[in-house]
Amino acid sequence: MSTPSNVDLCADARVESVLNRMTLDQLSALQDTLFEQLRMGLPPAEQIANALERHSADVADWFRSREPHGEAVEIVMLLVALAVAIAWLRHRGTPAPPDRLQDAIARVRDHHVYMLPIPRSDPCFCGSGSRFRACHGRPPIAVPAV
C-alpha cells in the first residue's frame, strides 16, 4: 500500500469539490460515459479522459494528473466517488460531505472497496446490475486458520 502524494491529495480535493457542485443529472451522465467507455474493455487512459472532458474539464484533468496507480484503479476511484455523490443527492437530497468522498477514494486506494459508504441495497457502482452488498460490497472471506 502506497501513501498518496500531496499532489494526489490536492487533486482529490479539487475533484471532490467539482463533484459536489454537479447536479444529479450531470453526475449520472458522467457515470454513464465511464460505463460506456468500459463496455468493451479497458480503453487507453487518454480516450477515457477525452470522453470525460465532454462533461467536466476538471474531472478529465484529475484523471490525467493522478500518479499512475494503473488505469483500472483510477477508474474505480472515479466511479466510487460518483456513486457516493449520486447516492447522497438521490437519498438525502444534499451533496456528500467532502470527508465521505475523500474516504471513498482512500478506501479504493487501500483496496477496501467493500467498506464504501454506499447504500448496500443500491445497484453496484461497477454496472453489474447486482446490488452493492452482493457485488463489490461483499467483505472478503477470511481464510480459516490452519
C-alpha atoms as a PDB file:
ATOM      1  CA  MET A   1       0.000   0.000   0.000  1.00  0.00           C
ATOM      2  CA  SER A   2       1.482   3.338  -1.010  1.00  0.00           C
ATOM      3  CA  THR A   3       0.683   6.647   0.582  1.00  0.00           C
ATOM      4  CA  PRO A   4      -0.783   9.298  -1.692  1.00  0.00           C
ATOM      5  CA  SER A   5       1.365  12.267  -2.629  1.00  0.00           C
ATOM      6  CA  ASN A   6       0.424  15.839  -1.749  1.00  0.00           C
ATOM      7  CA  VAL A   7      -0.293  16.410  -5.442  1.00  0.00           C
ATOM      8  CA  ASP A   8      -2.758  13.488  -5.421  1.00  0.00           C
ATOM      9  CA  LEU A   9      -4.454  14.754  -2.254  1.00  0.00           C
ATOM     10  CA  CYS A  10      -4.846  18.268  -3.677  1.00  0.00           C
ATOM     11  CA  ALA A  11      -6.188  16.851  -6.940  1.00  0.00           C
ATOM     12  CA  ASP A  12      -8.614  14.617  -4.995  1.00  0.00           C
ATOM     13  CA  ALA A  13      -9.889  17.613  -3.015  1.00  0.00           C
ATOM     14  CA  ARG A  14     -10.392  19.567  -6.240  1.00  0.00           C
ATOM     15  CA  VAL A  15     -12.346  16.769  -7.952  1.00  0.00           C
ATOM     16  CA  GLU A  16     -14.462  16.259  -4.806  1.00  0.00           C
ATOM     17  CA  SER A  17     -15.401  19.927  -4.906  1.00  0.00           C
ATOM     18  CA  VAL A  18     -16.327  19.649  -8.589  1.00  0.00           C
ATOM     19  CA  LEU A  19     -18.464  16.544  -7.993  1.00  0.00           C
ATOM     20  CA  ASN A  20     -20.298  18.246  -5.133  1.00  0.00           C
ATOM     21  CA  ARG A  21     -21.212  21.179  -7.383  1.00  0.00           C
ATOM     22  CA  MET A  22     -22.705  18.916 -10.069  1.00  0.00           C
ATOM     23  CA  THR A  23     -26.387  18.085 -10.332  1.00  0.00           C
ATOM     24  CA  LEU A  24     -27.706  14.540 -10.159  1.00  0.00           C
ATOM     25  CA  ASP A  25     -28.207  14.569 -13.948  1.00  0.00           C
ATOM     26  CA  GLN A  26     -24.628  15.739 -14.540  1.00  0.00           C
ATOM     27  CA  LEU A  27     -23.210  13.092 -12.185  1.00  0.00           C
ATOM     28  CA  SER A  28     -25.313  10.384 -13.834  1.00  0.00           C
ATOM     29  CA  ALA A  29     -24.193  11.476 -17.315  1.00  0.00           C
ATOM     30  CA  LEU A  30     -20.547  11.328 -16.212  1.00  0.00           C
ATOM     31  CA  GLN A  31     -21.098   7.870 -14.740  1.00  0.00           C
ATOM     32  CA  ASP A  32     -22.838   6.701 -17.945  1.00  0.00           C
ATOM     33  CA  THR A  33     -19.894   7.979 -20.003  1.00  0.00           C
ATOM     34  CA  LEU A  34     -17.459   5.951 -17.895  1.00  0.00           C
ATOM     35  CA  PHE A  35     -19.592   2.823 -18.196  1.00  0.00           C
ATOM     36  CA  GLU A  36     -19.827   3.321 -21.973  1.00  0.00           C
ATOM     37  CA  GLN A  37     -16.044   3.609 -22.226  1.00  0.00           C
ATOM     38  CA  LEU A  38     -15.619   0.391 -20.222  1.00  0.00           C
ATOM     39  CA  ARG A  39     -18.283  -1.617 -22.040  1.00  0.00           C
ATOM     40  CA  MET A  40     -15.767  -3.228 -24.417  1.00  0.00           C
ATOM     41  CA  GLY A  41     -12.805  -3.491 -22.048  1.00  0.00           C
ATOM     42  CA  LEU A  42     -10.289  -1.062 -20.662  1.00  0.00           C
ATOM     43  CA  PRO A  43      -9.574   1.695 -23.203  1.00  0.00           C
ATOM     44  CA  PRO A  44      -6.424   3.846 -23.126  1.00  0.00           C
ATOM     45  CA  ALA A  45      -6.407   6.478 -20.367  1.00  0.00           C
ATOM     46  CA  GLU A  46      -6.353   9.357 -22.853  1.00  0.00           C
ATOM     47  CA  GLN A  47      -9.511   8.048 -24.540  1.00  0.00           C
ATOM     48  CA  ILE A  48     -11.264   7.963 -21.162  1.00  0.00           C
ATOM     49  CA  ALA A  49     -10.008  11.463 -20.298  1.00  0.00           C
ATOM     50  CA  ASN A  50     -11.249  12.786 -23.646  1.00  0.00           C
ATOM     51  CA  ALA A  51     -14.701  11.285 -23.006  1.00  0.00           C
ATOM     52  CA  LEU A  52     -14.770  12.803 -19.503  1.00  0.00           C
ATOM     53  CA  GLU A  53     -13.789  16.187 -20.947  1.00  0.00           C
ATOM     54  CA  ARG A  54     -17.201  16.453 -22.642  1.00  0.00           C
ATOM     55  CA  HIS A  55     -18.796  16.623 -19.181  1.00  0.00           C
ATOM     56  CA  SER A  56     -16.147  18.208 -16.965  1.00  0.00           C
ATOM     57  CA  ALA A  57     -12.707  19.529 -17.837  1.00  0.00           C
ATOM     58  CA  ASP A  58     -11.797  19.426 -14.125  1.00  0.00           C
ATOM     59  CA  VAL A  59     -12.639  15.726 -13.800  1.00  0.00           C
ATOM     60  CA  ALA A  60     -10.719  14.962 -17.010  1.00  0.00           C
ATOM     61  CA  ASP A  61      -7.704  16.902 -15.687  1.00  0.00           C
ATOM     62  CA  TRP A  62      -7.894  14.950 -12.402  1.00  0.00           C
ATOM     63  CA  PHE A  63      -7.906  11.696 -14.317  1.00  0.00           C
ATOM     64  CA  ARG A  64      -4.889  12.762 -16.400  1.00  0.00           C
ATOM     65  CA  SER A  65      -2.876  14.143 -13.472  1.00  0.00           C
ATOM     66  CA  ARG A  66      -3.113  11.295 -10.973  1.00  0.00           C
ATOM     67  CA  GLU A  67       0.118   9.494 -10.204  1.00  0.00           C
ATOM     68  CA  PRO A  68      -0.116   6.236 -12.082  1.00  0.00           C
ATOM     69  CA  HIS A  69      -1.708   3.550  -9.925  1.00  0.00           C
ATOM     70  CA  GLY A  70      -2.993   1.797 -13.017  1.00  0.00           C
ATOM     71  CA  GLU A  71      -5.877   2.967 -15.158  1.00  0.00           C
ATOM     72  CA  ALA A  72      -8.292   0.473 -13.621  1.00  0.00           C
ATOM     73  CA  VAL A  73      -7.679   1.839 -10.106  1.00  0.00           C
ATOM     74  CA  GLU A  74      -8.190   5.428 -11.291  1.00  0.00           C
ATOM     75  CA  ILE A  75     -11.452   4.469 -12.995  1.00  0.00           C
ATOM     76  CA  VAL A  76     -12.717   2.682  -9.900  1.00  0.00           C
ATOM     77  CA  MET A  77     -11.770   5.699  -7.741  1.00  0.00           C
ATOM     78  CA  LEU A  78     -13.826   7.958 -10.001  1.00  0.00           C
ATOM     79  CA  LEU A  79     -16.754   5.520 -10.240  1.00  0.00           C
ATOM     80  CA  VAL A  80     -16.854   5.184  -6.468  1.00  0.00           C
ATOM     81  CA  ALA A  81     -16.706   8.943  -5.903  1.00  0.00           C
ATOM     82  CA  LEU A  82     -19.543   9.320  -8.429  1.00  0.00           C
ATOM     83  CA  ALA A  83     -21.570   6.571  -6.749  1.00  0.00           C
ATOM     84  CA  VAL A  84     -21.195   8.210  -3.329  1.00  0.00           C
ATOM     85  CA  ALA A  85     -22.070  11.659  -4.713  1.00  0.00           C
ATOM     86  CA  ILE A  86     -25.108  10.258  -6.553  1.00  0.00           C
ATOM     87  CA  ALA A  87     -26.286   8.288  -3.509  1.00  0.00           C
ATOM     88  CA  TRP A  88     -26.138  11.358  -1.283  1.00  0.00           C
ATOM     89  CA  LEU A  89     -28.070  13.505  -3.770  1.00  0.00           C
ATOM     90  CA  ARG A  90     -30.615  10.792  -4.534  1.00  0.00           C
ATOM     91  CA  HIS A  91     -31.255   9.568  -0.984  1.00  0.00           C
ATOM     92  CA  ARG A  92     -30.561  12.644   1.139  1.00  0.00           C
ATOM     93  CA  GLY A  93     -31.098  15.493  -1.305  1.00  0.00           C
ATOM     94  CA  THR A  94     -27.806  17.132  -0.369  1.00  0.00           C
ATOM     95  CA  PRO A  95     -24.226  16.969  -1.676  1.00  0.00           C
ATOM     96  CA  ALA A  96     -21.982  14.433   0.033  1.00  0.00           C
ATOM     97  CA  PRO A  97     -19.770  15.842   2.770  1.00  0.00           C
ATOM     98  CA  PRO A  98     -16.178  16.148   1.491  1.00  0.00           C
ATOM     99  CA  ASP A  99     -14.955  13.666   4.090  1.00  0.00           C
ATOM    100  CA  ARG A 100     -17.271  10.996   2.617  1.00  0.00           C
ATOM    101  CA  LEU A 101     -15.818  11.428  -0.870  1.00  0.00           C
ATOM    102  CA  GLN A 102     -12.252  11.531   0.496  1.00  0.00           C
ATOM    103  CA  ASP A 103     -12.953   8.373   2.488  1.00  0.00           C
ATOM    104  CA  ALA A 104     -14.362   6.607  -0.587  1.00  0.00           C
ATOM    105  CA  ILE A 105     -11.308   7.426  -2.717  1.00  0.00           C
ATOM    106  CA  ALA A 106      -8.960   6.380   0.108  1.00  0.00           C
ATOM    107  CA  ARG A 107     -10.768   3.056   0.555  1.00  0.00           C
ATOM    108  CA  VAL A 108     -10.317   2.245  -3.133  1.00  0.00           C
ATOM    109  CA  ARG A 109      -6.652   3.242  -2.958  1.00  0.00           C
ATOM    110  CA  ASP A 110      -6.256   0.939   0.086  1.00  0.00           C
ATOM    111  CA  HIS A 111      -8.171  -1.952  -1.566  1.00  0.00           C
ATOM    112  CA  HIS A 112     -11.102  -1.757   0.901  1.00  0.00           C
ATOM    113  CA  VAL A 113     -13.860  -1.338  -1.701  1.00  0.00           C
ATOM    114  CA  TYR A 114     -16.319  -3.405   0.338  1.00  0.00           C
ATOM    115  CA  MET A 115     -16.231  -0.750   3.097  1.00  0.00           C
ATOM    116  CA  LEU A 116     -17.510   2.086   0.904  1.00  0.00           C
ATOM    117  CA  PRO A 117     -20.224   4.420   2.213  1.00  0.00           C
ATOM    118  CA  ILE A 118     -22.731   3.352  -0.452  1.00  0.00           C
ATOM    119  CA  PRO A 119     -26.239   2.191   0.478  1.00  0.00           C
ATOM    120  CA  ARG A 120     -25.911  -1.586   0.403  1.00  0.00           C
ATOM    121  CA  SER A 121     -29.214  -2.110  -1.427  1.00  0.00           C
ATOM    122  CA  ASP A 122     -28.301   0.295  -4.260  1.00  0.00           C
ATOM    123  CA  PRO A 123     -27.035  -1.035  -7.586  1.00  0.00           C
ATOM    124  CA  CYS A 124     -23.285  -1.594  -7.549  1.00  0.00           C
ATOM    125  CA  PHE A 125     -21.158   1.223  -8.971  1.00  0.00           C
ATOM    126  CA  CYS A 126     -19.474  -1.205 -11.387  1.00  0.00           C
ATOM    127  CA  GLY A 127     -22.602  -1.525 -13.534  1.00  0.00           C
ATOM    128  CA  SER A 128     -23.042  -5.264 -12.963  1.00  0.00           C
ATOM    129  CA  GLY A 129     -26.744  -4.846 -12.192  1.00  0.00           C
ATOM    130  CA  SER A 130     -26.289  -6.535  -8.804  1.00  0.00           C
ATOM    131  CA  ARG A 131     -26.873  -4.794  -5.509  1.00  0.00           C
ATOM    132  CA  PHE A 132     -23.748  -3.321  -3.940  1.00  0.00           C
ATOM    133  CA  ARG A 133     -23.915  -5.766  -0.998  1.00  0.00           C
ATOM    134  CA  ALA A 134     -23.890  -8.755  -3.365  1.00  0.00           C
ATOM    135  CA  CYS A 135     -21.124  -7.420  -5.614  1.00  0.00           C
ATOM    136  CA  HIS A 136     -18.283  -5.095  -4.510  1.00  0.00           C
ATOM    137  CA  GLY A 137     -19.875  -4.582  -1.072  1.00  0.00           C
ATOM    138  CA  ARG A 138     -19.241  -8.167  -0.046  1.00  0.00           C
ATOM    139  CA  PRO A 139     -16.491  -8.385   2.588  1.00  0.00           C
ATOM    140  CA  PRO A 140     -13.598 -10.694   1.777  1.00  0.00           C
ATOM    141  CA  ILE A 141     -13.877 -14.188   3.158  1.00  0.00           C
ATOM    142  CA  ALA A 142     -11.380 -14.880   5.883  1.00  0.00           C
ATOM    143  CA  VAL A 143      -9.072 -17.804   5.277  1.00  0.00           C
ATOM    144  CA  PRO A 144      -9.503 -20.376   8.042  1.00  0.00           C
ATOM    145  CA  ALA A 145      -6.562 -20.791  10.361  1.00  0.00           C
ATOM    146  CA  VAL A 146      -4.613 -23.997   9.775  1.00  0.00           C
END
